[in-house]
């Protein structure tokens, strides 16, 4: 058995979303994916930065508009080289404009999806991350 292999390990997901109803919907949708566990959430930029820097995580689902601050601010503050190895930040927003997508991808987001019509694509992206992760 390879060093560090844990057959029961789940992919740890953080939801960075200020709407409780959307967080609940996301948690329900993602929990249907095998090996996924939602381990926490943040509603503000400061909470998100603290969470991403201080706990182990594999995937963060990030909204662009937060109660205080923005998802862009989170991406700027938690640079790719400061993230856990093989982790992914996936943006899920109502502001799915090309200029935001380009900026988020430049800052290290691995996906960018429209809340109003791309929940299935977000799920597929998280499922792909889970498939790559050691379990």
N, C-alpha and C. Protein backbone atom coordinates (compact mmCIF):
# COMPACT_ATOMS: atom_id res chain seq x y z
N UNK A 1 0.85 -1.18 0.00
CA UNK A 1 0.00 0.00 0.00
C UNK A 1 0.89 1.24 0.00
N UNK A 2 0.66 2.20 -0.92
CA UNK A 2 1.51 3.39 -1.00
C UNK A 2 1.44 4.24 0.28
N UNK A 3 2.55 4.87 0.59
CA UNK A 3 2.60 5.77 1.74
C UNK A 3 1.55 6.87 1.57
N UNK A 4 0.80 7.14 2.63
CA UNK A 4 -0.20 8.21 2.60
C UNK A 4 -1.53 7.79 2.02
N UNK A 5 -1.65 6.55 1.55
CA UNK A 5 -2.91 6.09 0.97
C UNK A 5 -3.92 5.86 2.07
N UNK A 6 -5.10 6.37 1.90
CA UNK A 6 -6.18 6.18 2.87
C UNK A 6 -7.44 5.83 2.10
N UNK A 7 -7.87 4.57 2.12
CA UNK A 7 -9.02 4.17 1.31
C UNK A 7 -10.32 4.83 1.74
N UNK A 8 -10.37 5.40 2.93
CA UNK A 8 -11.61 6.03 3.39
C UNK A 8 -11.59 7.54 3.27
N UNK A 9 -10.50 8.11 2.79
CA UNK A 9 -10.39 9.57 2.71
C UNK A 9 -11.36 10.14 1.69
N UNK A 10 -12.03 11.19 2.08
CA UNK A 10 -12.95 11.87 1.18
C UNK A 10 -12.30 13.14 0.65
N UNK A 11 -12.80 13.62 -0.47
CA UNK A 11 -12.38 14.90 -1.01
C UNK A 11 -13.07 15.98 -0.18
N UNK A 12 -12.26 16.85 0.42
CA UNK A 12 -12.77 17.87 1.35
C UNK A 12 -13.11 19.15 0.59
N UNK A 13 -14.38 19.55 0.70
CA UNK A 13 -14.89 20.70 -0.05
C UNK A 13 -15.25 21.82 0.92
N UNK A 14 -14.86 23.03 0.56
CA UNK A 14 -15.26 24.24 1.28
C UNK A 14 -16.17 25.05 0.37
N UNK A 15 -17.27 25.54 0.90
CA UNK A 15 -18.20 26.39 0.15
C UNK A 15 -17.99 27.83 0.60
N UNK A 16 -17.62 28.68 -0.33
CA UNK A 16 -17.44 30.11 -0.04
C UNK A 16 -18.59 30.82 -0.74
N UNK A 17 -19.65 31.02 0.02
CA UNK A 17 -20.93 31.48 -0.51
C UNK A 17 -21.69 32.16 0.61
N UNK A 18 -22.19 33.37 0.35
CA UNK A 18 -22.89 34.10 1.41
C UNK A 18 -24.37 33.79 1.52
N UNK A 19 -24.95 33.12 0.56
CA UNK A 19 -26.37 32.77 0.61
C UNK A 19 -26.55 31.39 1.24
N UNK A 20 -27.25 31.35 2.37
CA UNK A 20 -27.46 30.07 3.05
C UNK A 20 -28.23 29.09 2.17
N UNK A 21 -29.24 29.58 1.45
CA UNK A 21 -30.04 28.67 0.62
C UNK A 21 -29.20 28.07 -0.51
N UNK A 22 -28.30 28.85 -1.08
CA UNK A 22 -27.44 28.32 -2.13
C UNK A 22 -26.42 27.34 -1.54
N UNK A 23 -25.88 27.65 -0.35
CA UNK A 23 -24.96 26.72 0.31
C UNK A 23 -25.63 25.37 0.56
N UNK A 24 -26.87 25.40 1.03
CA UNK A 24 -27.60 24.16 1.28
C UNK A 24 -27.79 23.39 -0.02
N UNK A 25 -28.20 24.08 -1.06
CA UNK A 25 -28.41 23.43 -2.37
C UNK A 25 -27.10 22.83 -2.90
N UNK A 26 -26.02 23.59 -2.77
CA UNK A 26 -24.71 23.09 -3.21
C UNK A 26 -24.27 21.87 -2.40
N UNK A 27 -24.41 21.96 -1.09
CA UNK A 27 -24.00 20.85 -0.23
C UNK A 27 -24.79 19.59 -0.59
N UNK A 28 -26.08 19.73 -0.83
CA UNK A 28 -26.91 18.58 -1.21
C UNK A 28 -26.47 18.02 -2.55
N UNK A 29 -26.25 18.89 -3.51
CA UNK A 29 -25.85 18.44 -4.86
C UNK A 29 -24.48 17.76 -4.84
N UNK A 30 -23.55 18.30 -4.08
CA UNK A 30 -22.20 17.74 -4.04
C UNK A 30 -22.13 16.47 -3.20
N UNK A 31 -22.98 16.38 -2.19
CA UNK A 31 -22.94 15.19 -1.33
C UNK A 31 -23.40 13.93 -2.07
N UNK A 32 -24.04 14.11 -3.20
CA UNK A 32 -24.46 12.96 -4.01
C UNK A 32 -23.28 12.34 -4.77
N UNK A 33 -22.16 13.04 -4.80
CA UNK A 33 -20.97 12.55 -5.49
C UNK A 33 -20.17 11.69 -4.52
N UNK A 34 -19.79 10.51 -4.95
CA UNK A 34 -19.03 9.60 -4.10
C UNK A 34 -17.70 10.23 -3.70
N UNK A 35 -17.31 10.03 -2.45
CA UNK A 35 -16.03 10.49 -1.89
C UNK A 35 -15.96 12.00 -1.68
N UNK A 36 -17.09 12.67 -1.59
CA UNK A 36 -17.12 14.12 -1.36
C UNK A 36 -17.64 14.40 0.05
N UNK A 37 -16.99 15.34 0.73
CA UNK A 37 -17.44 15.76 2.05
C UNK A 37 -17.31 17.28 2.15
N UNK A 38 -18.41 17.97 2.39
CA UNK A 38 -18.36 19.42 2.62
C UNK A 38 -17.92 19.61 4.07
N UNK A 39 -16.79 20.29 4.25
CA UNK A 39 -16.20 20.40 5.59
C UNK A 39 -16.33 21.78 6.21
N UNK A 40 -16.82 22.76 5.44
CA UNK A 40 -16.96 24.08 6.02
C UNK A 40 -17.42 25.08 5.00
N UNK A 41 -17.71 26.28 5.51
CA UNK A 41 -18.13 27.35 4.61
C UNK A 41 -17.68 28.70 5.16
N UNK A 42 -17.65 29.66 4.27
CA UNK A 42 -17.34 31.04 4.62
C UNK A 42 -18.31 31.95 3.88
N UNK A 43 -18.64 33.07 4.50
CA UNK A 43 -19.56 34.04 3.91
C UNK A 43 -18.88 35.33 3.48
N UNK A 44 -17.67 35.56 3.97
CA UNK A 44 -16.95 36.80 3.66
C UNK A 44 -15.56 36.48 3.12
N UNK A 45 -14.96 37.47 2.51
CA UNK A 45 -13.60 37.31 2.00
C UNK A 45 -12.62 36.95 3.12
N UNK A 46 -12.71 37.66 4.25
CA UNK A 46 -11.79 37.40 5.36
C UNK A 46 -11.97 35.99 5.92
N UNK A 47 -13.21 35.55 6.09
CA UNK A 47 -13.46 34.18 6.58
C UNK A 47 -12.89 33.16 5.60
N UNK A 48 -13.10 33.40 4.31
CA UNK A 48 -12.63 32.47 3.29
C UNK A 48 -11.11 32.36 3.30
N UNK A 49 -10.43 33.48 3.35
CA UNK A 49 -8.96 33.48 3.36
C UNK A 49 -8.45 32.73 4.58
N UNK A 50 -9.02 32.99 5.74
CA UNK A 50 -8.61 32.31 6.96
C UNK A 50 -8.84 30.80 6.85
N UNK A 51 -10.00 30.41 6.38
CA UNK A 51 -10.33 28.99 6.24
C UNK A 51 -9.38 28.29 5.27
N UNK A 52 -9.15 28.91 4.12
CA UNK A 52 -8.29 28.30 3.10
C UNK A 52 -6.84 28.19 3.56
N UNK A 53 -6.42 29.08 4.43
CA UNK A 53 -5.03 29.06 4.91
C UNK A 53 -4.82 28.15 6.11
N UNK A 54 -5.91 27.80 6.83
CA UNK A 54 -5.72 27.11 8.11
C UNK A 54 -6.31 25.71 8.22
N UNK A 55 -7.04 25.25 7.24
CA UNK A 55 -7.52 23.87 7.32
C UNK A 55 -7.16 23.14 6.03
N UNK A 56 -7.11 21.85 6.10
CA UNK A 56 -6.83 21.06 4.91
C UNK A 56 -8.07 20.96 4.03
N UNK A 57 -7.91 21.20 2.74
CA UNK A 57 -9.04 21.14 1.81
C UNK A 57 -8.53 20.69 0.45
N UNK A 58 -9.47 20.23 -0.36
CA UNK A 58 -9.14 19.77 -1.71
C UNK A 58 -9.81 20.63 -2.77
N UNK A 59 -11.05 21.03 -2.51
CA UNK A 59 -11.82 21.84 -3.47
C UNK A 59 -12.49 22.97 -2.71
N UNK A 60 -12.43 24.17 -3.28
CA UNK A 60 -13.19 25.30 -2.76
C UNK A 60 -14.11 25.76 -3.88
N UNK A 61 -15.40 25.87 -3.58
CA UNK A 61 -16.37 26.42 -4.51
C UNK A 61 -16.58 27.86 -4.08
N UNK A 62 -16.27 28.80 -4.97
CA UNK A 62 -16.13 30.21 -4.63
C UNK A 62 -17.12 31.08 -5.40
N UNK A 63 -17.92 31.84 -4.66
CA UNK A 63 -18.78 32.86 -5.26
C UNK A 63 -17.96 34.14 -5.43
N UNK A 64 -18.32 34.97 -6.39
CA UNK A 64 -17.59 36.23 -6.58
C UNK A 64 -18.09 37.34 -5.67
N UNK A 65 -19.37 37.38 -5.38
CA UNK A 65 -19.93 38.42 -4.51
C UNK A 65 -20.20 37.82 -3.14
N UNK A 66 -19.52 38.33 -2.13
CA UNK A 66 -19.66 37.84 -0.76
C UNK A 66 -20.24 38.93 0.12
N UNK A 67 -20.60 38.57 1.35
CA UNK A 67 -21.18 39.57 2.27
C UNK A 67 -20.24 40.75 2.47
N UNK A 68 -18.97 40.45 2.59
CA UNK A 68 -17.95 41.49 2.71
C UNK A 68 -16.77 41.01 1.88
N UNK A 69 -16.44 41.77 0.85
CA UNK A 69 -15.33 41.39 -0.02
C UNK A 69 -15.81 40.62 -1.24
N UNK A 70 -14.83 40.07 -1.96
CA UNK A 70 -15.15 39.40 -3.23
C UNK A 70 -14.35 38.11 -3.39
N UNK A 71 -14.82 37.28 -4.29
CA UNK A 71 -14.08 36.08 -4.65
C UNK A 71 -12.76 36.42 -5.31
N UNK A 72 -12.72 37.49 -6.08
CA UNK A 72 -11.46 37.93 -6.70
C UNK A 72 -10.44 38.22 -5.61
N UNK A 73 -10.88 38.89 -4.53
CA UNK A 73 -9.98 39.16 -3.41
C UNK A 73 -9.45 37.88 -2.78
N UNK A 74 -10.30 36.86 -2.69
CA UNK A 74 -9.87 35.57 -2.16
C UNK A 74 -8.80 34.96 -3.06
N UNK A 75 -9.06 34.96 -4.37
CA UNK A 75 -8.08 34.40 -5.31
C UNK A 75 -6.76 35.15 -5.26
N UNK A 76 -6.80 36.47 -5.14
CA UNK A 76 -5.57 37.26 -5.05
C UNK A 76 -4.80 36.96 -3.78
N UNK A 77 -5.52 36.71 -2.68
CA UNK A 77 -4.89 36.51 -1.38
C UNK A 77 -4.35 35.10 -1.17
N UNK A 78 -4.99 34.11 -1.76
CA UNK A 78 -4.56 32.72 -1.59
C UNK A 78 -4.07 32.24 -2.95
N UNK A 79 -2.82 32.55 -3.20
CA UNK A 79 -2.20 32.26 -4.50
C UNK A 79 -2.02 30.76 -4.71
N UNK A 80 -1.95 30.32 -5.97
CA UNK A 80 -1.82 28.88 -6.24
C UNK A 80 -0.68 28.20 -5.48
N UNK A 81 0.45 28.87 -5.32
CA UNK A 81 1.57 28.22 -4.62
C UNK A 81 1.38 28.18 -3.10
N UNK A 82 0.32 28.81 -2.59
CA UNK A 82 0.01 28.79 -1.15
C UNK A 82 -1.11 27.79 -0.84
N UNK A 83 -1.62 27.12 -1.85
CA UNK A 83 -2.74 26.19 -1.68
C UNK A 83 -2.21 24.78 -1.48
N UNK A 84 -3.04 23.91 -0.90
CA UNK A 84 -2.60 22.51 -0.75
C UNK A 84 -2.30 21.90 -2.12
N UNK A 85 -1.38 20.94 -2.17
CA UNK A 85 -1.08 20.27 -3.44
C UNK A 85 -2.34 19.65 -4.04
N UNK A 86 -2.48 19.75 -5.33
CA UNK A 86 -3.60 19.17 -6.09
C UNK A 86 -4.96 19.73 -5.70
N UNK A 87 -5.00 20.86 -5.03
CA UNK A 87 -6.29 21.47 -4.68
C UNK A 87 -6.83 22.28 -5.86
N UNK A 88 -8.12 22.55 -5.82
CA UNK A 88 -8.77 23.30 -6.90
C UNK A 88 -9.74 24.32 -6.32
N UNK A 89 -9.74 25.50 -6.90
CA UNK A 89 -10.77 26.50 -6.60
C UNK A 89 -11.62 26.62 -7.85
N UNK A 90 -12.92 26.46 -7.65
CA UNK A 90 -13.88 26.52 -8.75
C UNK A 90 -14.85 27.65 -8.45
N UNK A 91 -14.95 28.60 -9.37
CA UNK A 91 -15.84 29.75 -9.20
C UNK A 91 -17.23 29.37 -9.67
N UNK A 92 -18.24 29.71 -8.84
CA UNK A 92 -19.65 29.45 -9.14
C UNK A 92 -20.40 30.74 -8.83
N UNK A 93 -20.84 31.46 -9.86
CA UNK A 93 -21.30 32.83 -9.69
C UNK A 93 -22.48 33.19 -10.57
N UNK A 94 -23.20 34.21 -10.14
CA UNK A 94 -24.24 34.81 -10.99
C UNK A 94 -23.64 35.83 -11.95
N UNK A 95 -22.37 36.15 -11.77
CA UNK A 95 -21.69 37.17 -12.58
C UNK A 95 -20.72 36.49 -13.55
N UNK A 96 -21.27 35.65 -14.40
CA UNK A 96 -20.45 34.83 -15.30
C UNK A 96 -20.10 35.58 -16.59
N UNK A 97 -19.47 36.72 -16.43
CA UNK A 97 -19.08 37.54 -17.56
C UNK A 97 -17.66 37.14 -18.00
N UNK A 98 -17.38 37.24 -19.31
CA UNK A 98 -16.06 36.81 -19.80
C UNK A 98 -14.88 37.47 -19.09
N UNK A 99 -15.00 38.76 -18.78
CA UNK A 99 -13.87 39.44 -18.13
C UNK A 99 -13.62 38.88 -16.72
N UNK A 100 -14.68 38.49 -16.00
CA UNK A 100 -14.51 37.87 -14.69
C UNK A 100 -13.90 36.47 -14.83
N UNK A 101 -14.39 35.73 -15.81
CA UNK A 101 -13.86 34.38 -16.04
C UNK A 101 -12.37 34.46 -16.34
N UNK A 102 -11.99 35.34 -17.26
CA UNK A 102 -10.57 35.47 -17.61
C UNK A 102 -9.73 35.82 -16.39
N UNK A 103 -10.20 36.76 -15.59
CA UNK A 103 -9.44 37.21 -14.41
C UNK A 103 -9.30 36.07 -13.39
N UNK A 104 -10.40 35.35 -13.15
CA UNK A 104 -10.36 34.25 -12.19
C UNK A 104 -9.41 33.14 -12.64
N UNK A 105 -9.45 32.82 -13.91
CA UNK A 105 -8.55 31.78 -14.42
C UNK A 105 -7.09 32.24 -14.34
N UNK A 106 -6.85 33.54 -14.61
CA UNK A 106 -5.49 34.09 -14.47
C UNK A 106 -4.99 33.98 -13.03
N UNK A 107 -5.91 34.11 -12.08
CA UNK A 107 -5.55 34.07 -10.66
C UNK A 107 -5.52 32.64 -10.10
N UNK A 108 -5.74 31.65 -10.96
CA UNK A 108 -5.57 30.28 -10.52
C UNK A 108 -6.82 29.47 -10.27
N UNK A 109 -8.00 29.99 -10.63
CA UNK A 109 -9.21 29.17 -10.53
C UNK A 109 -9.13 28.07 -11.59
N UNK A 110 -9.63 26.89 -11.25
CA UNK A 110 -9.58 25.79 -12.20
C UNK A 110 -10.89 25.62 -12.96
N UNK A 111 -11.91 26.36 -12.59
CA UNK A 111 -13.18 26.30 -13.28
C UNK A 111 -13.98 27.56 -13.00
N UNK A 112 -14.95 27.84 -13.84
CA UNK A 112 -15.76 29.05 -13.71
C UNK A 112 -17.13 28.74 -14.29
N UNK A 113 -18.17 28.75 -13.43
CA UNK A 113 -19.50 28.33 -13.87
C UNK A 113 -20.58 29.31 -13.42
N UNK A 114 -21.62 29.37 -14.23
CA UNK A 114 -22.77 30.25 -14.02
C UNK A 114 -23.78 29.56 -13.09
N UNK A 115 -24.10 30.20 -11.97
CA UNK A 115 -25.06 29.63 -11.02
C UNK A 115 -26.42 29.37 -11.64
N UNK A 116 -26.82 30.22 -12.55
CA UNK A 116 -28.18 30.13 -13.07
C UNK A 116 -28.40 28.96 -14.02
N UNK A 117 -27.30 28.40 -14.56
CA UNK A 117 -27.53 27.33 -15.54
C UNK A 117 -26.44 26.26 -15.63
N UNK A 118 -25.45 26.30 -14.74
CA UNK A 118 -24.35 25.35 -14.89
C UNK A 118 -24.02 24.54 -13.63
N UNK A 119 -25.02 24.28 -12.80
CA UNK A 119 -24.77 23.45 -11.62
C UNK A 119 -24.26 22.07 -12.04
N UNK A 120 -24.79 21.52 -13.11
CA UNK A 120 -24.34 20.21 -13.58
C UNK A 120 -22.87 20.23 -13.99
N UNK A 121 -22.41 21.34 -14.56
CA UNK A 121 -21.00 21.45 -14.95
C UNK A 121 -20.11 21.57 -13.70
N UNK A 122 -20.58 22.31 -12.70
CA UNK A 122 -19.85 22.39 -11.44
C UNK A 122 -19.72 20.99 -10.83
N UNK A 123 -20.81 20.25 -10.78
CA UNK A 123 -20.79 18.88 -10.25
C UNK A 123 -19.81 18.01 -11.04
N UNK A 124 -19.82 18.13 -12.35
CA UNK A 124 -18.90 17.35 -13.18
C UNK A 124 -17.44 17.70 -12.87
N UNK A 125 -17.18 18.97 -12.66
CA UNK A 125 -15.82 19.42 -12.36
C UNK A 125 -15.38 18.87 -10.99
N UNK A 126 -16.24 18.96 -9.99
CA UNK A 126 -15.91 18.42 -8.67
C UNK A 126 -15.75 16.91 -8.74
N UNK A 127 -16.61 16.25 -9.51
CA UNK A 127 -16.51 14.80 -9.69
C UNK A 127 -15.15 14.43 -10.31
N UNK A 128 -14.69 15.22 -11.27
CA UNK A 128 -13.39 14.97 -11.91
C UNK A 128 -12.25 15.13 -10.90
N UNK A 129 -12.34 16.13 -10.04
CA UNK A 129 -11.32 16.32 -8.99
C UNK A 129 -11.35 15.11 -8.06
N UNK A 130 -12.54 14.66 -7.68
CA UNK A 130 -12.65 13.52 -6.77
C UNK A 130 -12.07 12.26 -7.41
N UNK A 131 -12.25 12.10 -8.70
CA UNK A 131 -11.73 10.93 -9.39
C UNK A 131 -10.20 10.91 -9.41
N UNK A 132 -9.59 12.10 -9.43
CA UNK A 132 -8.12 12.20 -9.44
C UNK A 132 -7.51 12.01 -8.06
N UNK A 133 -8.31 12.28 -7.02
CA UNK A 133 -7.78 12.28 -5.66
C UNK A 133 -7.54 10.85 -5.15
N UNK A 134 -6.50 10.67 -4.35
CA UNK A 134 -6.30 9.36 -3.73
C UNK A 134 -7.37 9.14 -2.66
N UNK A 135 -7.97 7.99 -2.64
CA UNK A 135 -9.03 7.69 -1.66
C UNK A 135 -8.56 6.64 -0.69
